[in-house]
């Protein structure tokens, strides 16, 4: 190594100069590239959530921290600083987030030149990963004053950093597929899987399950990534959010809208307790960021488990109504007025209403996309429809969440002769029955 590299190696974590990591940085194509709306929008959202003054997405090689996005910085300030001056090298060294509520007294960063140069009073940074797991850089916010970051703000920032990593992975997968001259079924399925949570979390007192069933593509040129998605996550305290969405169409445009919807809902639900407000904020994001002209339908619930069930509120944006299966087997439709979401429509403040609901022990709530109600055979016979779905759900009285979804899919599949004309997503939340 040269003397300069020897000097760097003495000051920096070994991971910074790892040749494999540096190759991943170069392969990302992000160094010395112009600002982009996709990353700037995420940084703007970080400021809106935290109230901080500056937000950065940085990509770091062995010499510098390059600001791919730098919101709140004057253009004259440039777009990079020395890697030794930036807290970003600490994210690379540990692969973990770093929260410094008081930068002036935090021994990890107080002596870094960036603290004075950028006026850092408080700093919250999260690693951004390449598809093969190397830390490319960081996603961070800076406040001019010392201050804490709430658990809800930290969770939202963590989600936004993951969204940056997902965007990078999506781009790399597309580049590789195009270089091979193919749009393979494997790529489509990989992209689809990346838009669904790998495993639903355990919500207290609830039995939860979700499935995503692909359309029958027999005879088609190949699978395409579609816009069905779902998510379940804790928001604040003992509150939770469940969401089911369906983007019109398939392909990369659908994937972009789906990704935007997922990270926006996760971020906004940690800040707003009303599901109607979350949908309004999602609509604003679709209009402002306009990643595609495709419209989106969403059903969203915010709920709180207690010792005797679940209390919650439901809102929808043009999505099929939720169904509640009571413990005695009766099925109720849960409806709320709300227009679908589209970047071509103004995001009206009163465009969505919400409805309160209560689940008691043994009750279950079903969210679904219209792939199941539109199931039909190859001869274009009658649709499975909402009435058959409600009857099938009633017949599952007493079944757990996973068994209920299996029974519903089996019923719809038999009706359609095994032919699925569209992808289907189902999610069921069941309150544990009294023993």
Protein backbone atom coordinates (compact mmCIF):
# COMPACT_ATOMS: atom_id res chain seq x y z
CA UNK A 1 0.00 0.00 0.00
CA UNK A 2 1.06 3.61 -0.53
CA UNK A 3 1.84 5.89 2.39
CA UNK A 4 -1.52 7.63 1.89
CA UNK A 5 -3.36 4.31 2.04
CA UNK A 6 -1.33 3.27 5.08
CA UNK A 7 -2.37 6.51 6.77
CA UNK A 8 -6.01 5.97 5.88
CA UNK A 9 -5.98 2.42 7.11
CA UNK A 10 -4.71 3.58 10.50
CA UNK A 11 -7.64 6.01 10.89
CA UNK A 12 -10.54 4.12 9.33
CA UNK A 13 -12.37 0.89 10.15
CA UNK A 14 -11.07 -2.00 8.03
CA UNK A 15 -14.45 -2.42 6.36
CA UNK A 16 -14.15 1.00 4.68
CA UNK A 17 -11.19 -0.10 2.53
CA UNK A 18 -12.41 -3.66 1.96
CA UNK A 19 -11.84 -4.26 -1.80
CA UNK A 20 -15.13 -6.15 -2.09
CA UNK A 21 -17.03 -3.22 -0.54
CA UNK A 22 -15.28 -0.71 -2.78
CA UNK A 23 -16.19 -2.86 -5.80
CA UNK A 24 -19.84 -2.83 -4.66
CA UNK A 25 -19.72 0.98 -4.38
CA UNK A 26 -18.31 1.28 -7.89
CA UNK A 27 -20.87 -1.20 -9.23
CA UNK A 28 -23.73 0.86 -7.79
CA UNK A 29 -23.01 3.63 -10.28
CA UNK A 30 -23.99 6.25 -7.69
CA UNK A 31 -20.65 7.99 -7.16
CA UNK A 32 -20.38 11.37 -8.93
CA UNK A 33 -23.92 11.02 -10.31
CA UNK A 34 -26.42 13.91 -10.22
CA UNK A 35 -29.18 14.25 -7.61
CA UNK A 36 -32.31 12.20 -8.28
CA UNK A 37 -35.91 12.75 -7.26
CA UNK A 38 -36.28 9.23 -5.86
CA UNK A 39 -33.61 9.74 -3.20
CA UNK A 40 -34.34 13.43 -2.62
CA UNK A 41 -37.99 12.58 -1.93
CA UNK A 42 -36.96 10.08 0.74
CA UNK A 43 -34.68 12.67 2.32
CA UNK A 44 -37.47 15.27 2.27
CA UNK A 45 -39.77 12.78 3.96
CA UNK A 46 -37.13 12.22 6.65
CA UNK A 47 -37.11 15.95 7.42
CA UNK A 48 -40.91 16.09 7.54
CA UNK A 49 -40.98 13.21 10.01
CA UNK A 50 -38.19 14.39 12.33
CA UNK A 51 -38.28 18.18 12.03
CA UNK A 52 -34.52 18.19 11.41
CA UNK A 53 -32.92 20.72 9.04
CA UNK A 54 -30.66 18.53 6.86
CA UNK A 55 -30.93 15.05 5.40
CA UNK A 56 -28.33 13.10 3.42
CA UNK A 57 -28.00 9.92 1.44
CA UNK A 58 -24.26 9.38 1.12
CA UNK A 59 -22.18 6.87 -0.80
CA UNK A 60 -18.62 6.40 0.45
CA UNK A 61 -15.57 4.95 -1.22
CA UNK A 62 -12.19 4.76 0.55
CA UNK A 63 -11.52 8.47 0.23
CA UNK A 64 -14.70 10.51 0.45
CA UNK A 65 -18.31 10.56 1.45
CA UNK A 66 -20.28 11.61 -1.65
CA UNK A 67 -23.67 13.25 -1.06
CA UNK A 68 -26.02 11.64 -3.54
CA UNK A 69 -28.81 13.55 -1.82
CA UNK A 70 -28.22 16.58 0.39
CA UNK A 71 -31.45 18.32 1.40
CA UNK A 72 -30.99 21.53 3.38
CA UNK A 73 -27.50 22.22 2.04
CA UNK A 74 -26.62 25.20 -0.15
CA UNK A 75 -25.35 24.22 -3.62
CA UNK A 76 -22.14 26.14 -2.98
CA UNK A 77 -21.29 23.77 -0.16
CA UNK A 78 -20.33 21.07 -2.64
CA UNK A 79 -21.43 17.46 -2.55
CA UNK A 80 -18.79 15.58 -0.60
CA UNK A 81 -16.44 15.58 2.35
CA UNK A 82 -13.44 13.56 3.45
CA UNK A 83 -14.43 10.09 4.60
CA UNK A 84 -12.42 10.63 7.81
CA UNK A 85 -14.47 13.73 8.61
CA UNK A 86 -17.86 12.09 8.13
CA UNK A 87 -19.76 9.89 10.63
CA UNK A 88 -20.57 7.72 7.62
CA UNK A 89 -17.37 5.72 8.09
CA UNK A 90 -18.67 4.61 11.49
CA UNK A 91 -21.80 3.17 9.86
CA UNK A 92 -19.57 1.26 7.43
CA UNK A 93 -17.36 -0.01 10.24
CA UNK A 94 -20.21 -1.40 12.34
CA UNK A 95 -23.01 -2.01 9.82
CA UNK A 96 -25.35 -0.59 12.48
CA UNK A 97 -27.25 2.64 13.01
CA UNK A 98 -25.73 5.43 15.06
CA UNK A 99 -27.86 7.90 17.02
CA UNK A 100 -26.10 10.89 18.60
CA UNK A 101 -28.63 13.13 20.41
CA UNK A 102 -25.82 15.49 21.48
CA UNK A 103 -23.02 15.51 18.92
CA UNK A 104 -20.86 17.88 20.97
CA UNK A 105 -20.53 15.38 23.82
CA UNK A 106 -20.82 12.07 21.96
CA UNK A 107 -17.34 10.57 22.02
CA UNK A 108 -17.96 8.69 18.78
CA UNK A 109 -18.37 11.79 16.61
CA UNK A 110 -17.61 14.96 18.60
CA UNK A 111 -14.08 15.29 17.18
CA UNK A 112 -15.07 14.79 13.53
CA UNK A 113 -14.62 17.87 11.32
CA UNK A 114 -18.15 17.49 9.94
CA UNK A 115 -19.68 18.28 13.34
CA UNK A 116 -18.50 21.88 13.13
CA UNK A 117 -18.54 22.20 9.35
CA UNK A 118 -22.18 21.08 9.03
CA UNK A 119 -23.38 22.50 12.33
CA UNK A 120 -24.34 19.11 13.74
CA UNK A 121 -26.13 19.36 17.06
CA UNK A 122 -27.76 15.94 16.77
CA UNK A 123 -27.21 13.18 14.21
CA UNK A 124 -29.12 10.02 13.35
CA UNK A 125 -27.59 7.76 10.70
CA UNK A 126 -28.54 4.38 9.23
CA UNK A 127 -26.47 2.14 6.95
CA UNK A 128 -27.45 1.66 3.31
CA UNK A 129 -26.61 -1.78 1.92
CA UNK A 130 -25.73 -3.19 -1.48
CA UNK A 131 -27.69 -6.27 -2.66
CA UNK A 132 -24.86 -8.51 -1.46
CA UNK A 133 -24.73 -6.98 2.00
CA UNK A 134 -21.90 -4.44 1.85
CA UNK A 135 -22.46 -1.01 3.41
CA UNK A 136 -22.41 1.51 0.58
CA UNK A 137 -22.93 4.55 2.78
CA UNK A 138 -25.58 6.06 4.99
CA UNK A 139 -28.96 7.74 5.24
CA UNK A 140 -28.97 10.39 7.96
CA UNK A 141 -30.62 13.51 9.36
CA UNK A 142 -28.91 16.44 11.06
CA UNK A 143 -30.42 18.84 13.57
CA UNK A 144 -28.63 22.06 14.46
CA UNK A 145 -29.51 21.58 18.14
CA UNK A 146 -28.96 18.70 20.51
CA UNK A 147 -32.20 16.73 20.78
CA UNK A 148 -33.51 13.17 21.16
CA UNK A 149 -35.08 11.17 18.35
CA UNK A 150 -38.25 9.37 19.39
CA UNK A 151 -38.61 5.62 18.87
CA UNK A 152 -41.26 6.37 16.23
CA UNK A 153 -38.92 8.72 14.37
CA UNK A 154 -36.08 6.20 14.57
CA UNK A 155 -38.31 3.46 13.18
CA UNK A 156 -39.44 5.69 10.31
CA UNK A 157 -35.82 6.60 9.46
CA UNK A 158 -34.88 2.92 9.59
CA UNK A 159 -37.67 2.21 7.09
CA UNK A 160 -36.54 4.99 4.78
CA UNK A 161 -32.94 3.71 4.84
CA UNK A 162 -34.20 0.25 3.90
CA UNK A 163 -36.16 1.84 1.06
CA UNK A 164 -32.94 3.38 -0.27
CA UNK A 165 -31.28 -0.05 -0.15
CA UNK A 166 -34.29 -1.61 -1.90
CA UNK A 167 -34.19 0.99 -4.66
CA UNK A 168 -30.49 0.25 -5.25
CA UNK A 169 -31.18 -3.50 -5.35
CA UNK A 170 -34.04 -3.02 -7.80
CA UNK A 171 -31.84 -0.98 -10.12
CA UNK A 172 -29.03 -3.51 -10.02
CA UNK A 173 -31.37 -6.42 -10.75
CA UNK A 174 -32.78 -4.56 -13.74
CA UNK A 175 -29.32 -3.70 -15.06
CA UNK A 176 -28.23 -7.31 -14.80
CA UNK A 177 -31.36 -8.59 -16.52
CA UNK A 178 -31.02 -6.11 -19.34
CA UNK A 179 -27.35 -6.97 -19.76
CA UNK A 180 -28.42 -10.59 -20.22
CA UNK A 181 -31.09 -9.48 -22.67
CA UNK A 182 -33.87 -11.04 -20.63
CA UNK A 183 -36.77 -10.14 -18.39
CA UNK A 184 -36.89 -13.45 -16.62
CA UNK A 185 -39.61 -14.98 -14.51
CA UNK A 186 -37.04 -15.38 -11.74
CA UNK A 187 -36.39 -11.63 -11.77
CA UNK A 188 -40.11 -10.89 -11.62
CA UNK A 189 -40.57 -13.21 -8.67
CA UNK A 190 -37.53 -11.75 -6.88
CA UNK A 191 -38.91 -8.24 -7.28
CA UNK A 192 -42.37 -9.35 -6.13
CA UNK A 193 -40.98 -11.06 -3.05
CA UNK A 194 -39.03 -7.92 -2.15
CA UNK A 195 -42.30 -5.98 -1.96
CA UNK A 196 -43.89 -8.35 0.56
CA UNK A 197 -42.82 -8.72 4.19
CA UNK A 198 -40.87 -11.98 4.56
CA UNK A 199 -42.73 -12.88 7.75
CA UNK A 200 -45.53 -11.15 9.60
CA UNK A 201 -44.61 -10.07 13.13
CA UNK A 202 -46.32 -11.48 16.20
CA UNK A 203 -49.01 -9.04 17.32
CA UNK A 204 -50.08 -9.51 20.97
CA UNK A 205 -53.27 -11.53 21.38
CA UNK A 206 -53.63 -12.10 17.62
CA UNK A 207 -53.26 -15.01 15.25
CA UNK A 208 -52.18 -13.50 11.93
CA UNK A 209 -51.46 -14.93 8.50
CA UNK A 210 -51.02 -13.68 4.94
CA UNK A 211 -50.55 -15.27 1.53
CA UNK A 212 -49.73 -14.05 -1.95
CA UNK A 213 -50.85 -16.36 -4.76
CA UNK A 214 -49.51 -15.64 -8.27
CA UNK A 215 -51.69 -15.64 -11.35
CA UNK A 216 -51.64 -18.60 -13.70
CA UNK A 217 -49.19 -17.55 -16.42
CA UNK A 218 -49.40 -20.76 -18.43
CA UNK A 219 -48.94 -19.87 -22.05
CA UNK A 220 -47.75 -16.36 -21.26
CA UNK A 221 -44.34 -15.00 -22.17
CA UNK A 222 -43.34 -15.05 -18.51
CA UNK A 223 -44.22 -13.66 -15.10
CA UNK A 224 -44.19 -9.97 -14.38
CA UNK A 225 -43.89 -8.23 -11.06
CA UNK A 226 -47.36 -7.12 -9.96
CA UNK A 227 -48.74 -4.52 -7.61
CA UNK A 228 -50.41 -6.56 -4.85
CA UNK A 229 -48.82 -5.91 -1.47
CA UNK A 230 -49.53 -6.14 2.24
CA UNK A 231 -47.81 -5.21 5.49
CA UNK A 232 -48.28 -5.42 9.26
CA UNK A 233 -46.19 -3.44 11.73
CA UNK A 234 -46.20 -1.72 15.11
CA UNK A 235 -46.58 2.06 14.93
CA UNK A 236 -46.38 3.65 18.37
CA UNK A 237 -46.86 2.24 21.85
CA UNK A 238 -49.30 -0.64 21.59
CA UNK A 239 -50.78 0.51 18.27
CA UNK A 240 -50.44 -1.47 15.05
CA UNK A 241 -51.11 -0.90 11.37
CA UNK A 242 -52.20 -3.41 8.73
CA UNK A 243 -52.38 -2.47 5.05
CA UNK A 244 -53.44 -4.22 1.86
CA UNK A 245 -52.90 -2.56 -1.52
CA UNK A 246 -53.27 -3.20 -5.23
CA UNK A 247 -51.52 -1.17 -7.93
CA UNK A 248 -53.10 -1.17 -11.36
CA UNK A 249 -51.13 -3.20 -13.90
CA UNK A 250 -47.83 -5.05 -13.78
CA UNK A 251 -44.16 -4.48 -14.50
CA UNK A 252 -41.56 -2.07 -13.23
CA UNK A 253 -43.95 0.91 -13.02
CA UNK A 254 -46.18 -1.13 -10.72
CA UNK A 255 -43.14 -2.09 -8.62
CA UNK A 256 -42.14 1.57 -8.22
CA UNK A 257 -45.61 2.57 -7.01
CA UNK A 258 -45.76 -0.44 -4.68
CA UNK A 259 -42.39 0.40 -3.13
CA UNK A 260 -43.38 4.06 -2.69
CA UNK A 261 -46.67 3.03 -1.07
CA UNK A 262 -45.05 0.62 1.37
CA UNK A 263 -42.38 2.94 2.71
CA UNK A 264 -44.72 5.95 2.79
CA UNK A 265 -47.39 4.07 4.77
CA UNK A 266 -44.77 2.77 7.20
CA UNK A 267 -43.33 6.23 7.71
CA UNK A 268 -46.64 8.11 7.96
CA UNK A 269 -48.38 5.58 10.21
CA UNK A 270 -45.74 6.17 12.88
CA UNK A 271 -46.69 9.87 12.86
CA UNK A 272 -50.48 9.82 12.39
CA UNK A 273 -52.98 7.74 14.35
CA UNK A 274 -55.86 8.23 11.86
CA UNK A 275 -55.81 5.82 8.89
CA UNK A 276 -57.65 8.41 6.77
CA UNK A 277 -54.76 10.83 7.36
CA UNK A 278 -52.21 8.17 6.38
CA UNK A 279 -54.08 7.59 3.10
CA UNK A 280 -54.17 11.33 2.45
CA UNK A 281 -50.42 11.58 3.01
CA UNK A 282 -49.87 8.61 0.70
CA UNK A 283 -51.94 10.33 -1.99
CA UNK A 284 -49.83 13.47 -1.59
CA UNK A 285 -46.67 11.38 -2.02
CA UNK A 286 -48.05 9.83 -5.22
CA UNK A 287 -48.86 13.28 -6.60
CA UNK A 288 -45.59 14.91 -5.50
CA UNK A 289 -43.24 12.11 -6.54
CA UNK A 290 -45.22 10.90 -9.57
CA UNK A 291 -43.13 7.81 -10.19
CA UNK A 292 -45.85 6.47 -12.50
CA UNK A 293 -49.36 7.27 -13.75
CA UNK A 294 -50.69 4.01 -12.31
CA UNK A 295 -53.49 4.26 -9.75
CA UNK A 296 -53.59 2.45 -6.43
CA UNK A 297 -56.30 1.06 -4.15
CA UNK A 298 -55.58 0.57 -0.45
CA UNK A 299 -57.33 -0.76 2.66
CA UNK A 300 -55.72 0.28 5.93
CA UNK A 301 -56.48 -0.34 9.59
CA UNK A 302 -54.89 1.12 12.69
CA UNK A 303 -55.71 -0.90 15.79
CA UNK A 304 -54.81 -1.49 19.40
CA UNK A 305 -55.05 -4.93 21.04
CA UNK A 306 -56.34 -5.04 24.63
CA UNK A 307 -57.19 -7.70 27.17
CA UNK A 308 -60.55 -8.43 25.55
CA UNK A 309 -59.99 -8.00 21.82
CA UNK A 310 -59.07 -5.26 19.39
CA UNK A 311 -60.27 -1.69 18.91
CA UNK A 312 -59.45 -0.01 15.64
CA UNK A 313 -60.30 2.29 12.74
CA UNK A 314 -60.56 1.34 9.08
CA UNK A 315 -60.11 3.50 5.99
CA UNK A 316 -60.07 2.62 2.32
CA UNK A 317 -59.06 4.15 -0.98
CA UNK A 318 -61.22 2.47 -3.59
CA UNK A 319 -60.35 -1.00 -2.26
CA UNK A 320 -62.71 -3.97 -1.77
CA UNK A 321 -64.34 -3.78 1.69
CA UNK A 322 -62.84 -5.71 4.57
CA UNK A 323 -64.81 -8.63 6.00
CA UNK A 324 -65.24 -9.46 9.68
CA UNK A 325 -66.00 -13.06 10.65
CA UNK A 326 -67.55 -13.08 14.10
CA UNK A 327 -66.88 -15.93 16.49
CA UNK A 328 -70.40 -17.31 15.83
CA UNK A 329 -69.68 -17.56 12.08
CA UNK A 330 -71.62 -14.53 10.86
CA UNK A 331 -69.81 -12.27 8.40
CA UNK A 332 -70.03 -8.47 8.29
CA UNK A 333 -68.77 -6.09 5.63
CA UNK A 334 -66.58 -3.24 6.85
CA UNK A 335 -66.89 -0.25 4.54
CA UNK A 336 -65.65 3.33 4.50
CA UNK A 337 -65.91 5.94 1.76
CA UNK A 338 -62.70 6.76 -0.05
CA UNK A 339 -61.59 7.39 -3.61
CA UNK A 340 -58.73 5.50 -5.20
CA UNK A 341 -55.28 7.10 -5.21
CA UNK A 342 -53.75 8.43 -8.40
CA UNK A 343 -51.01 10.93 -9.21
CA UNK A 344 -53.43 12.37 -11.79
CA UNK A 345 -56.04 13.26 -9.15
CA UNK A 346 -55.74 16.03 -6.54
CA UNK A 347 -55.15 14.75 -3.01
CA UNK A 348 -58.29 16.13 -1.35
CA UNK A 349 -58.06 16.45 2.43
CA UNK A 350 -61.60 15.06 2.85
CA UNK A 351 -61.19 12.37 0.22
CA UNK A 352 -61.23 9.51 2.75
CA UNK A 353 -63.32 8.68 5.77
CA UNK A 354 -62.73 6.11 8.45
CA UNK A 355 -64.89 3.75 10.43
CA UNK A 356 -64.43 2.38 13.93
CA UNK A 357 -64.61 -1.36 14.56
CA UNK A 358 -64.28 -3.77 17.44
CA UNK A 359 -63.08 -7.37 17.39
CA UNK A 360 -63.91 -9.70 20.27
CA UNK A 361 -62.29 -13.05 21.14
CA UNK A 362 -62.72 -15.46 18.24
CA UNK A 363 -63.47 -12.68 15.72
CA UNK A 364 -61.34 -12.27 12.60
CA UNK A 365 -60.81 -9.49 10.03
CA UNK A 366 -59.95 -10.26 6.40
CA UNK A 367 -58.17 -7.90 3.99
CA UNK A 368 -57.85 -9.04 0.38
CA UNK A 369 -57.25 -7.92 -3.19
CA UNK A 370 -59.79 -8.43 -5.96
CA UNK A 371 -57.84 -11.33 -7.44
CA UNK A 372 -59.92 -13.70 -5.28
CA UNK A 373 -63.34 -12.17 -6.02
CA UNK A 374 -62.54 -12.06 -9.76
CA UNK A 375 -61.44 -15.70 -9.89
CA UNK A 376 -63.16 -17.53 -12.77
CA UNK A 377 -62.51 -20.49 -15.07
CA UNK A 378 -60.83 -20.36 -18.48
CA UNK A 379 -64.22 -20.29 -20.20
CA UNK A 380 -64.95 -16.97 -18.48
CA UNK A 381 -67.69 -18.36 -16.30
CA UNK A 382 -69.14 -16.51 -13.30
CA UNK A 383 -66.81 -14.66 -10.97
CA UNK A 384 -66.19 -16.07 -7.51
CA UNK A 385 -67.54 -12.75 -6.25
CA UNK A 386 -67.99 -11.10 -2.88
CA UNK A 387 -71.02 -13.21 -1.89
CA UNK A 388 -69.15 -16.50 -2.37
CA UNK A 389 -66.15 -15.08 -0.53
CA UNK A 390 -68.35 -14.09 2.43
CA UNK A 391 -69.99 -17.53 2.46
CA UNK A 392 -66.61 -19.27 2.30
CA UNK A 393 -65.35 -17.11 5.16
CA UNK A 394 -68.42 -17.94 7.27
CA UNK A 395 -67.75 -21.65 6.70
CA UNK A 396 -64.30 -21.29 8.31
CA UNK A 397 -65.78 -20.56 11.74
CA UNK A 398 -63.39 -21.75 14.44
CA UNK A 399 -60.36 -22.07 12.14
CA UNK A 400 -57.08 -20.32 12.83
CA UNK A 401 -55.68 -17.62 10.54
CA UNK A 402 -53.50 -19.78 8.29
CA UNK A 403 -56.13 -22.52 7.92
CA UNK A 404 -58.78 -19.92 7.09
CA UNK A 405 -56.71 -18.46 4.26
CA UNK A 406 -55.92 -21.93 2.92
CA UNK A 407 -59.65 -22.76 2.89
CA UNK A 408 -60.57 -19.50 1.14
CA UNK A 409 -57.94 -19.98 -1.56
CA UNK A 410 -58.96 -23.61 -2.07
CA UNK A 411 -62.61 -22.62 -2.47
CA UNK A 412 -61.82 -19.90 -5.01
CA UNK A 413 -59.39 -22.16 -6.87
CA UNK A 414 -61.97 -24.93 -7.18
CA UNK A 415 -64.52 -22.42 -8.47
CA UNK A 416 -62.03 -21.29 -11.13
CA UNK A 417 -60.96 -24.82 -12.06
CA UNK A 418 -57.46 -24.13 -10.82
CA UNK A 419 -57.11 -21.07 -13.06
CA UNK A 420 -56.03 -17.80 -11.40
CA UNK A 421 -56.61 -14.87 -13.74
CA UNK A 422 -54.92 -12.37 -11.42
CA UNK A 423 -52.56 -12.36 -8.47
CA UNK A 424 -54.24 -12.53 -5.08
CA UNK A 425 -53.16 -11.31 -1.66
CA UNK A 426 -54.99 -12.21 1.55
CA UNK A 427 -54.32 -11.24 5.17
CA UNK A 428 -56.32 -12.32 8.23
CA UNK A 429 -56.09 -11.05 11.80
CA UNK A 430 -57.89 -13.25 14.33
CA UNK A 431 -58.33 -12.47 18.01
CA UNK A 432 -57.41 -15.47 20.12
CA UNK A 433 -60.61 -17.12 21.41
CA UNK A 434 -61.31 -17.44 25.12
CA UNK A 435 -60.13 -20.71 26.57
